[in-house]
């Protein structure tokens, strides 16, 4: 199972990123645990200064930019 974390404060872009992640996971037909990290102190502790950020299996894959479902699928395919 792939673990995906979305770091963000709950803004529109962060919520959209979650939807894009869910769409990518569904399209690929994979099992993934999707977690949202909204606590600003936790986000800063991880060294992330811009959101939304995307972490896949503990690896920071994107920060400060919205990713399309297609871009997220490419990232997820590295773990299949």
N, C-alpha and C. Protein backbone atom coordinates (compact mmCIF):
# COMPACT_ATOMS: atom_id res chain seq x y z
N UNK A 1 0.84 -1.18 0.00
CA UNK A 1 0.00 0.00 0.00
C UNK A 1 0.89 1.24 0.00
N UNK A 2 0.51 2.19 -0.80
CA UNK A 2 1.24 3.46 -0.89
C UNK A 2 0.67 4.42 0.13
N UNK A 3 1.55 5.11 0.84
CA UNK A 3 1.12 6.12 1.80
C UNK A 3 1.33 7.50 1.20
N UNK A 4 0.25 8.27 1.17
CA UNK A 4 0.27 9.60 0.58
C UNK A 4 -0.16 10.61 1.64
N UNK A 5 0.63 11.67 1.77
CA UNK A 5 0.28 12.74 2.69
C UNK A 5 0.15 14.04 1.91
N UNK A 6 -0.90 14.77 2.21
CA UNK A 6 -1.11 16.08 1.61
C UNK A 6 -0.95 17.10 2.73
N UNK A 7 0.05 17.94 2.62
CA UNK A 7 0.30 18.96 3.62
C UNK A 7 -0.29 20.28 3.15
N UNK A 8 -1.12 20.86 3.99
CA UNK A 8 -1.74 22.13 3.64
C UNK A 8 -2.65 22.62 4.74
N UNK A 9 -3.00 23.85 4.66
CA UNK A 9 -3.80 24.50 5.71
C UNK A 9 -5.30 24.36 5.50
N UNK A 10 -5.71 23.64 4.47
CA UNK A 10 -7.13 23.49 4.20
C UNK A 10 -7.65 24.50 3.19
N UNK A 11 -6.76 25.19 2.52
CA UNK A 11 -7.17 26.18 1.52
C UNK A 11 -7.76 25.48 0.29
N UNK A 12 -8.27 26.26 -0.63
CA UNK A 12 -8.90 25.71 -1.84
C UNK A 12 -7.92 24.84 -2.62
N UNK A 13 -6.69 25.29 -2.77
CA UNK A 13 -5.70 24.52 -3.53
C UNK A 13 -5.39 23.20 -2.83
N UNK A 14 -5.33 23.22 -1.52
CA UNK A 14 -5.04 21.99 -0.76
C UNK A 14 -6.18 20.98 -0.90
N UNK A 15 -7.40 21.45 -0.85
CA UNK A 15 -8.55 20.56 -1.02
C UNK A 15 -8.60 20.01 -2.44
N UNK A 16 -8.26 20.84 -3.41
CA UNK A 16 -8.22 20.40 -4.80
C UNK A 16 -7.13 19.34 -5.00
N UNK A 17 -5.99 19.54 -4.34
CA UNK A 17 -4.91 18.56 -4.43
C UNK A 17 -5.39 17.20 -3.90
N UNK A 18 -6.14 17.21 -2.82
CA UNK A 18 -6.66 15.94 -2.28
C UNK A 18 -7.56 15.27 -3.31
N UNK A 19 -8.43 16.03 -3.94
CA UNK A 19 -9.31 15.46 -4.96
C UNK A 19 -8.51 14.89 -6.13
N UNK A 20 -7.46 15.58 -6.53
CA UNK A 20 -6.61 15.09 -7.62
C UNK A 20 -5.90 13.80 -7.22
N UNK A 21 -5.44 13.72 -5.98
CA UNK A 21 -4.79 12.50 -5.49
C UNK A 21 -5.80 11.35 -5.49
N UNK A 22 -6.98 11.59 -4.97
CA UNK A 22 -8.01 10.54 -4.93
C UNK A 22 -8.36 10.07 -6.35
N UNK A 23 -8.45 10.99 -7.28
CA UNK A 23 -8.75 10.64 -8.67
C UNK A 23 -7.63 9.79 -9.27
N UNK A 24 -6.38 10.17 -9.03
CA UNK A 24 -5.24 9.43 -9.56
C UNK A 24 -5.19 8.01 -8.99
N UNK A 25 -5.42 7.88 -7.70
CA UNK A 25 -5.43 6.57 -7.05
C UNK A 25 -6.53 5.70 -7.64
N UNK A 26 -7.70 6.27 -7.80
CA UNK A 26 -8.83 5.53 -8.36
C UNK A 26 -8.55 5.10 -9.80
N UNK A 27 -8.04 6.02 -10.61
CA UNK A 27 -7.74 5.71 -12.02
C UNK A 27 -6.71 4.59 -12.15
N UNK A 28 -5.73 4.57 -11.24
CA UNK A 28 -4.69 3.54 -11.29
C UNK A 28 -5.15 2.23 -10.66
N UNK A 29 -6.23 2.29 -9.90
CA UNK A 29 -6.75 1.08 -9.25
C UNK A 29 -5.82 0.53 -8.19
N UNK A 30 -5.18 1.43 -7.45
CA UNK A 30 -4.23 1.00 -6.43
C UNK A 30 -4.79 1.26 -5.03
N UNK A 31 -4.18 0.61 -4.05
CA UNK A 31 -4.54 0.85 -2.66
C UNK A 31 -3.58 1.89 -2.11
N UNK A 32 -4.15 2.89 -1.47
CA UNK A 32 -3.33 3.96 -0.90
C UNK A 32 -4.00 4.48 0.36
N UNK A 33 -3.18 4.83 1.31
CA UNK A 33 -3.64 5.50 2.52
C UNK A 33 -3.37 6.99 2.31
N UNK A 34 -4.43 7.79 2.26
CA UNK A 34 -4.30 9.22 2.02
C UNK A 34 -4.57 9.96 3.33
N UNK A 35 -3.59 10.75 3.74
CA UNK A 35 -3.69 11.48 5.00
C UNK A 35 -3.49 12.96 4.72
N UNK A 36 -4.29 13.78 5.39
CA UNK A 36 -4.11 15.23 5.31
C UNK A 36 -3.40 15.71 6.57
N UNK A 37 -2.40 16.55 6.40
CA UNK A 37 -1.70 17.16 7.52
C UNK A 37 -2.00 18.65 7.46
N UNK A 38 -2.83 19.11 8.40
CA UNK A 38 -3.28 20.50 8.39
C UNK A 38 -2.63 21.35 9.47
N UNK A 39 -1.96 20.72 10.42
CA UNK A 39 -1.34 21.45 11.52
C UNK A 39 -0.10 22.19 11.03
N UNK A 40 -0.14 23.50 11.08
CA UNK A 40 0.94 24.33 10.55
C UNK A 40 2.27 24.04 11.25
N UNK A 41 2.24 23.73 12.54
CA UNK A 41 3.48 23.42 13.25
C UNK A 41 4.09 22.12 12.74
N UNK A 42 3.27 21.14 12.45
CA UNK A 42 3.75 19.88 11.89
C UNK A 42 4.31 20.09 10.48
N UNK A 43 3.64 20.91 9.70
CA UNK A 43 4.11 21.19 8.34
C UNK A 43 5.49 21.86 8.41
N UNK A 44 5.65 22.83 9.28
CA UNK A 44 6.93 23.53 9.43
C UNK A 44 7.99 22.57 9.97
N UNK A 45 7.62 21.72 10.92
CA UNK A 45 8.57 20.75 11.48
C UNK A 45 9.16 19.86 10.39
N UNK A 46 8.37 19.59 9.37
CA UNK A 46 8.83 18.76 8.25
C UNK A 46 9.66 19.54 7.24
N UNK A 47 9.83 20.83 7.49
CA UNK A 47 10.68 21.65 6.62
C UNK A 47 9.97 22.15 5.37
N UNK A 48 8.65 22.08 5.36
CA UNK A 48 7.88 22.52 4.21
C UNK A 48 7.44 23.97 4.45
N UNK A 49 7.75 24.83 3.49
CA UNK A 49 7.41 26.24 3.65
C UNK A 49 6.34 26.72 2.68
N UNK A 50 5.92 25.87 1.76
CA UNK A 50 4.86 26.27 0.84
C UNK A 50 3.93 25.08 0.61
N UNK A 51 2.67 25.39 0.53
CA UNK A 51 1.66 24.34 0.35
C UNK A 51 0.83 24.66 -0.88
N UNK A 52 0.13 23.70 -1.43
CA UNK A 52 0.03 22.32 -0.97
C UNK A 52 1.31 21.55 -1.29
N UNK A 53 1.59 20.57 -0.42
CA UNK A 53 2.74 19.71 -0.62
C UNK A 53 2.27 18.26 -0.65
N UNK A 54 3.01 17.46 -1.38
CA UNK A 54 2.64 16.06 -1.57
C UNK A 54 3.81 15.18 -1.17
N UNK A 55 3.56 14.27 -0.25
CA UNK A 55 4.57 13.31 0.20
C UNK A 55 4.06 11.92 -0.13
N UNK A 56 4.89 11.14 -0.81
CA UNK A 56 4.54 9.77 -1.17
C UNK A 56 5.57 8.85 -0.53
N UNK A 57 5.08 7.92 0.29
CA UNK A 57 5.94 6.98 1.01
C UNK A 57 7.11 7.69 1.69
N UNK A 58 6.81 8.82 2.34
CA UNK A 58 7.80 9.54 3.11
C UNK A 58 8.72 10.45 2.30
N UNK A 59 8.53 10.51 1.01
CA UNK A 59 9.39 11.31 0.13
C UNK A 59 8.63 12.53 -0.39
N UNK A 60 9.17 13.71 -0.16
CA UNK A 60 8.55 14.95 -0.64
C UNK A 60 8.64 14.98 -2.15
N UNK A 61 7.49 14.95 -2.82
CA UNK A 61 7.45 14.89 -4.27
C UNK A 61 7.08 16.23 -4.90
N UNK A 62 6.38 17.07 -4.15
CA UNK A 62 5.93 18.35 -4.70
C UNK A 62 5.62 19.30 -3.55
N UNK A 63 5.94 20.58 -3.76
CA UNK A 63 5.56 21.57 -2.75
C UNK A 63 5.30 22.91 -3.41
N UNK A 64 4.22 23.53 -2.95
CA UNK A 64 3.89 24.87 -3.41
C UNK A 64 3.24 24.96 -4.78
N UNK A 65 2.96 23.80 -5.39
CA UNK A 65 2.34 23.81 -6.72
C UNK A 65 1.24 22.76 -6.80
N UNK A 66 0.19 23.15 -7.46
CA UNK A 66 -0.90 22.22 -7.71
C UNK A 66 -0.45 21.21 -8.75
N UNK A 67 -0.76 19.95 -8.54
CA UNK A 67 -0.46 18.90 -9.49
C UNK A 67 -1.75 18.34 -10.06
N UNK A 68 -1.75 18.07 -11.34
CA UNK A 68 -2.93 17.48 -11.99
C UNK A 68 -2.98 16.00 -11.65
N UNK A 69 -4.15 15.38 -11.84
CA UNK A 69 -4.23 13.93 -11.63
C UNK A 69 -3.22 13.18 -12.50
N UNK A 70 -2.98 13.63 -13.71
CA UNK A 70 -2.02 12.96 -14.60
C UNK A 70 -0.60 13.05 -14.04
N UNK A 71 -0.23 14.20 -13.51
CA UNK A 71 1.10 14.35 -12.92
C UNK A 71 1.25 13.47 -11.69
N UNK A 72 0.19 13.38 -10.90
CA UNK A 72 0.22 12.55 -9.69
C UNK A 72 0.31 11.08 -10.07
N UNK A 73 -0.38 10.68 -11.12
CA UNK A 73 -0.29 9.29 -11.58
C UNK A 73 1.14 8.93 -11.95
N UNK A 74 1.83 9.83 -12.63
CA UNK A 74 3.23 9.57 -13.00
C UNK A 74 4.07 9.35 -11.75
N UNK A 75 3.84 10.18 -10.73
CA UNK A 75 4.59 10.03 -9.49
C UNK A 75 4.28 8.70 -8.82
N UNK A 76 3.01 8.33 -8.79
CA UNK A 76 2.60 7.09 -8.13
C UNK A 76 3.13 5.86 -8.85
N UNK A 77 3.25 5.92 -10.16
CA UNK A 77 3.73 4.77 -10.92
C UNK A 77 5.14 4.37 -10.53
N UNK A 78 5.92 5.29 -9.97
CA UNK A 78 7.27 4.97 -9.50
C UNK A 78 7.23 3.94 -8.36
N UNK A 79 6.11 3.85 -7.68
CA UNK A 79 5.99 2.99 -6.50
C UNK A 79 5.23 1.69 -6.78
N UNK A 80 4.88 1.47 -8.01
CA UNK A 80 4.13 0.25 -8.35
C UNK A 80 5.06 -0.87 -8.76
